[in-house]
Amino acid sequence: MDDQFSAHVQAYSSQLRRLIRQGRELQEGVASDLPAANLAAVRVWQRECGAIVNELSGGSKAHWLARAFSEAFMARDAAGAAVEEVSPVEIVGRLVAVLERAVIALSDEEGSALRASTEAPAPRRFDFVHDAEIRPVLEQAYDDGRRALEQADYRLALLTYSGILEAIVTDALQHCEELSGTDAQPPHRKITDWSFEARLEAAERVGLIGSGCARLPAGARAYRDAAERNDTPVSESDARRTAQVLHVVMRDLNPGR
């Protein structure tokens, strides 16, 4: 393997092993006397698992790792019929098994199952963006954000992902028929004059996106101000949550993805 790919492998393997350790600890905690607190921790852990699976699978739902992650939440009886509920402990155990499979795939000398998604972005990730000129810019920014996250530069990752989010939402609003020719809020101003917050609210109001932006950290909402202040700290949690929200909005704007 070349040096660049080896660096990817090491970074992802480290993250996967950390999540595996946390998952095993949660399996014990969920069965303890404090289920409410532990179940909240399980949900946070599951979101982190989903984020790294999305990165490793290149955002493709057809990738074997993405399919295994989704199937971990499903339960079937002996006849193969779907069962409506599955215990949180069992789900955690299944996800741990999925993460372990990912570690094995990464440690494979060839690493072919994951190499494509770690070396290069998924093809045509931003084809849903109307403005063709900014698509390659967004692709490069997406890679920059992912690299920053891998290298623990959480401030740069948050700023980059927030900028991408604003760009794709703005593009969608500018081509939304419901806003075309109207005095949308804020009144009598071009969409590009609106604040980031106003653009998100408008996109949700007209149904372009769902309610996923409710989870967007305050630092991401005010990312332009943060970009001007080099001393603004950003946590790993906020950076990863911003990445997760971006992925949700990308799916909203491109349902067929």
Protein backbone atom coordinates (compact mmCIF):
# COMPACT_ATOMS: atom_id res chain seq x y z
CA MET A 1 0.00 0.00 0.00
CA ASP A 2 1.23 3.56 -0.65
CA ASP A 3 1.92 6.03 2.18
CA GLN A 4 -1.24 8.05 1.65
CA PHE A 5 -3.48 5.01 1.80
CA SER A 6 -1.58 3.70 4.83
CA ALA A 7 -2.29 6.98 6.63
CA HIS A 8 -5.99 6.61 5.81
CA VAL A 9 -5.98 3.06 7.13
CA GLN A 10 -4.31 4.03 10.39
CA ALA A 11 -6.69 6.93 11.00
CA TYR A 12 -9.83 4.92 10.29
CA SER A 13 -8.61 1.85 12.18
CA SER A 14 -7.97 4.00 15.24
CA GLN A 15 -11.47 5.48 15.09
CA LEU A 16 -13.07 2.08 14.54
CA ARG A 17 -11.24 0.48 17.46
CA ARG A 18 -12.25 3.35 19.73
CA LEU A 19 -15.90 2.92 18.76
CA ILE A 20 -15.63 -0.85 19.27
CA ARG A 21 -14.31 -0.32 22.80
CA GLN A 22 -17.07 2.18 23.55
CA GLY A 23 -19.68 -0.19 22.13
CA ARG A 24 -18.59 -3.02 24.39
CA GLU A 25 -18.72 -0.71 27.40
CA LEU A 26 -22.21 0.43 26.38
CA GLN A 27 -23.41 -3.18 26.11
CA GLU A 28 -22.76 -3.53 29.81
CA GLY A 29 -24.13 -0.09 30.67
CA VAL A 30 -27.46 -0.52 28.86
CA ALA A 31 -28.23 -3.49 31.08
CA SER A 32 -27.43 -1.53 34.26
CA ASP A 33 -29.76 0.38 36.58
CA LEU A 34 -29.58 3.66 34.62
CA PRO A 35 -31.17 2.83 31.25
CA ALA A 36 -32.25 6.37 30.32
CA ALA A 37 -28.77 7.85 30.60
CA ASN A 38 -27.14 4.90 28.93
CA LEU A 39 -29.63 4.77 26.07
CA ALA A 40 -28.87 8.43 25.34
CA ALA A 41 -25.18 7.51 25.21
CA VAL A 42 -26.02 4.63 22.85
CA ARG A 43 -27.76 7.02 20.44
CA VAL A 44 -24.74 9.34 20.37
CA TRP A 45 -22.46 6.33 19.78
CA GLN A 46 -24.70 5.03 16.99
CA ARG A 47 -24.55 8.41 15.24
CA GLU A 48 -20.74 8.33 15.40
CA CYS A 49 -20.78 4.81 13.96
CA GLY A 50 -23.07 5.98 11.17
CA ALA A 51 -20.75 8.87 10.34
CA ILE A 52 -17.63 6.74 9.94
CA VAL A 53 -19.54 4.06 8.01
CA ASN A 54 -20.76 6.77 5.65
CA GLU A 55 -17.19 8.00 5.14
CA LEU A 56 -15.76 4.52 4.59
CA SER A 57 -18.53 3.59 2.16
CA GLY A 58 -18.07 6.79 0.19
CA GLY A 59 -21.65 7.81 0.93
CA SER A 60 -23.00 4.90 -1.11
CA LYS A 61 -25.90 2.98 0.40
CA ALA A 62 -25.03 0.10 -1.94
CA HIS A 63 -21.59 -0.41 -0.34
CA TRP A 64 -21.43 -3.64 1.70
CA LEU A 65 -20.46 -1.74 4.86
CA ALA A 66 -23.40 0.67 4.57
CA ARG A 67 -25.76 -2.26 3.99
CA ALA A 68 -24.36 -4.14 7.00
CA PHE A 69 -24.82 -1.06 9.17
CA SER A 70 -28.47 -0.67 8.12
CA GLU A 71 -29.20 -4.36 8.55
CA ALA A 72 -27.87 -4.24 12.11
CA PHE A 73 -31.00 -2.34 13.11
CA MET A 74 -33.32 -4.99 11.65
CA ALA A 75 -34.51 -8.14 13.39
CA ARG A 76 -35.93 -11.28 11.82
CA ASP A 77 -37.50 -14.38 13.32
CA ALA A 78 -36.53 -17.95 12.52
CA ALA A 79 -38.70 -17.88 9.39
CA GLY A 80 -36.98 -14.73 8.12
CA ALA A 81 -39.92 -12.40 8.74
CA ALA A 82 -39.18 -8.90 10.01
CA VAL A 83 -39.61 -8.28 13.71
CA GLU A 84 -40.67 -4.80 14.75
CA GLU A 85 -38.44 -4.38 17.80
CA VAL A 86 -34.92 -5.38 18.69
CA SER A 87 -33.25 -4.69 22.04
CA PRO A 88 -30.69 -1.85 22.30
CA VAL A 89 -28.12 -4.30 23.68
CA GLU A 90 -28.49 -6.52 20.62
CA ILE A 91 -28.23 -3.55 18.24
CA VAL A 92 -25.01 -2.40 19.92
CA GLY A 93 -23.59 -5.92 19.62
CA ARG A 94 -24.47 -6.09 15.94
CA LEU A 95 -22.91 -2.70 15.24
CA VAL A 96 -19.75 -3.73 17.07
CA ALA A 97 -19.60 -6.77 14.77
CA VAL A 98 -19.99 -4.48 11.74
CA LEU A 99 -17.17 -2.26 12.95
CA GLU A 100 -14.98 -5.32 13.50
CA ARG A 101 -15.62 -6.37 9.90
CA ALA A 102 -14.53 -2.90 8.79
CA VAL A 103 -11.29 -3.21 10.79
CA ILE A 104 -10.57 -6.56 9.13
CA ALA A 105 -11.26 -5.08 5.70
CA LEU A 106 -8.90 -2.21 6.39
CA SER A 107 -6.16 -4.52 7.63
CA ASP A 108 -6.40 -6.60 4.45
CA GLU A 109 -3.20 -6.15 2.45
CA GLU A 110 -5.20 -5.27 -0.63
CA GLY A 111 -7.99 -3.43 1.14
CA SER A 112 -9.97 -3.43 -2.10
CA ALA A 113 -13.39 -3.32 -0.42
CA LEU A 114 -12.64 0.00 1.24
CA ARG A 115 -9.72 1.35 -0.78
CA ALA A 116 -11.88 3.05 -3.40
CA SER A 117 -13.93 4.94 -0.84
CA THR A 118 -10.92 6.05 1.22
CA GLU A 119 -8.68 7.05 -1.65
CA ALA A 120 -11.16 8.98 -3.76
CA PRO A 121 -14.57 10.61 -3.36
CA ALA A 122 -17.70 8.90 -4.54
CA PRO A 123 -18.18 9.86 -8.20
CA ARG A 124 -20.60 12.67 -8.98
CA ARG A 125 -21.40 13.30 -5.32
CA PHE A 126 -22.68 16.81 -6.04
CA ASP A 127 -24.45 16.22 -9.34
CA PHE A 128 -27.69 17.41 -7.73
CA VAL A 129 -26.24 20.94 -7.49
CA HIS A 130 -27.71 23.09 -10.27
CA ASP A 131 -24.66 25.30 -10.70
CA ALA A 132 -22.23 23.02 -12.52
CA GLU A 133 -19.33 25.42 -12.01
CA ILE A 134 -19.27 24.97 -8.24
CA ARG A 135 -19.53 21.15 -8.25
CA PRO A 136 -15.77 20.53 -8.50
CA VAL A 137 -15.22 23.18 -5.81
CA LEU A 138 -17.63 21.37 -3.52
CA GLU A 139 -15.97 18.02 -4.25
CA GLN A 140 -12.58 19.43 -3.30
CA ALA A 141 -13.99 21.11 -0.19
CA TYR A 142 -15.67 17.86 0.85
CA ASP A 143 -12.34 16.02 0.59
CA ASP A 144 -10.63 18.82 2.52
CA GLY A 145 -13.22 18.57 5.29
CA ARG A 146 -12.89 14.80 5.52
CA ARG A 147 -9.09 15.07 5.64
CA ALA A 148 -9.29 17.72 8.37
CA LEU A 149 -11.56 15.45 10.41
CA GLU A 150 -9.16 12.54 10.03
CA GLN A 151 -6.27 14.72 11.16
CA ALA A 152 -8.22 16.00 14.19
CA ASP A 153 -8.35 19.57 12.84
CA TYR A 154 -11.91 19.93 14.06
CA ARG A 155 -12.12 23.67 13.56
CA LEU A 156 -11.21 23.42 9.87
CA ALA A 157 -13.56 20.45 9.41
CA LEU A 158 -16.50 22.34 10.93
CA LEU A 159 -15.83 25.49 8.89
CA THR A 160 -15.45 23.49 5.67
CA TYR A 161 -18.56 21.37 6.12
CA SER A 162 -20.60 24.44 7.14
CA GLY A 163 -19.50 26.26 3.99
CA ILE A 164 -20.53 23.30 1.83
CA LEU A 165 -23.89 23.14 3.60
CA GLU A 166 -24.53 26.82 2.98
CA ALA A 167 -23.53 26.50 -0.68
CA ILE A 168 -25.82 23.57 -1.51
CA VAL A 169 -28.78 25.04 0.39
CA THR A 170 -28.30 28.38 -1.38
CA ASP A 171 -28.14 26.65 -4.76
CA ALA A 172 -31.36 24.77 -3.99
CA LEU A 173 -33.16 27.94 -2.87
CA GLN A 174 -32.09 29.84 -5.97
CA HIS A 175 -33.74 27.19 -8.14
CA CYS A 176 -36.83 26.68 -6.01
CA GLU A 177 -40.01 27.58 -7.89
CA GLU A 178 -41.85 28.34 -4.65
CA LEU A 179 -39.39 31.16 -3.93
CA SER A 180 -39.01 32.38 -7.49
CA GLY A 181 -40.62 35.77 -8.00
CA THR A 182 -41.86 36.02 -4.42
CA ASP A 183 -41.01 38.25 -1.52
CA ALA A 184 -39.68 35.41 0.57
CA GLN A 185 -38.37 36.12 4.05
CA PRO A 186 -36.35 38.19 4.65
CA PRO A 187 -38.38 40.42 2.30
CA HIS A 188 -37.04 42.34 -0.68
CA ARG A 189 -33.55 40.84 -0.49
CA LYS A 190 -31.66 38.42 -2.68
CA ILE A 191 -31.15 34.94 -1.25
CA THR A 192 -27.40 35.53 -1.22
CA ASP A 193 -28.02 38.47 1.14
CA TRP A 194 -29.78 36.28 3.69
CA SER A 195 -28.04 34.99 6.76
CA PHE A 196 -27.03 31.33 6.89
CA GLU A 197 -29.73 30.74 9.48
CA ALA A 198 -32.40 32.37 7.27
CA ARG A 199 -31.43 30.17 4.34
CA LEU A 200 -31.72 27.00 6.41
CA GLU A 201 -35.11 28.07 7.76
CA ALA A 202 -36.40 28.93 4.27
CA ALA A 203 -35.19 25.63 2.79
CA GLU A 204 -36.97 23.71 5.53
CA ARG A 205 -40.12 25.83 5.26
CA VAL A 206 -40.59 25.13 1.54
CA GLY A 207 -39.76 21.44 1.95
CA LEU A 208 -36.38 21.35 0.24
CA ILE A 209 -34.84 19.78 3.33
CA GLY A 210 -36.15 18.07 6.45
CA SER A 211 -35.56 18.99 10.06
CA GLY A 212 -32.03 17.60 10.21
CA CYS A 213 -30.49 21.05 10.64
CA ALA A 214 -31.98 21.21 14.13
CA ARG A 215 -28.90 19.22 15.22
CA LEU A 216 -26.47 21.68 13.68
CA PRO A 217 -24.11 23.02 16.40
CA ALA A 218 -24.19 26.70 17.25
CA GLY A 219 -20.59 27.03 16.08
CA ALA A 220 -21.57 25.77 12.63
CA ARG A 221 -24.49 28.18 12.39
CA ALA A 222 -22.11 31.04 13.15
CA TYR A 223 -19.22 29.59 11.17
CA ARG A 224 -18.53 32.82 9.29
CA ASP A 225 -17.88 34.64 12.56
CA ALA A 226 -15.77 31.73 13.81
CA ALA A 227 -13.69 31.84 10.63
CA GLU A 228 -12.67 35.39 11.49
CA ARG A 229 -11.60 34.41 15.00
CA ASN A 230 -8.68 32.00 15.00
CA ASP A 231 -9.00 31.42 18.74
CA THR A 232 -12.46 29.83 18.54
CA PRO A 233 -12.17 26.22 19.81
CA VAL A 234 -14.19 23.46 18.13
CA SER A 235 -14.87 20.05 19.69
CA GLU A 236 -14.67 16.75 17.86
CA SER A 237 -18.34 16.19 18.64
CA ASP A 238 -19.39 19.47 16.97
CA ALA A 239 -17.25 18.78 13.91
CA ARG A 240 -18.66 15.28 13.47
CA ARG A 241 -22.22 16.45 14.08
CA THR A 242 -21.80 19.10 11.37
CA ALA A 243 -20.58 16.40 8.97
CA GLN A 244 -23.59 14.24 9.84
CA VAL A 245 -26.03 17.12 9.24
CA LEU A 246 -24.38 17.82 5.89
CA HIS A 247 -24.87 14.18 4.84
CA VAL A 248 -28.54 14.34 5.85
CA VAL A 249 -29.12 17.53 3.84
CA MET A 250 -27.31 16.06 0.83
CA ARG A 251 -29.73 13.13 0.94
CA ASP A 252 -32.68 15.52 1.27
CA LEU A 253 -31.58 17.47 -1.80
CA ASN A 254 -30.76 14.33 -3.76
CA PRO A 255 -33.26 11.63 -2.68
CA GLY A 256 -32.10 9.18 -5.34
CA ARG A 257 -28.53 9.17 -4.04
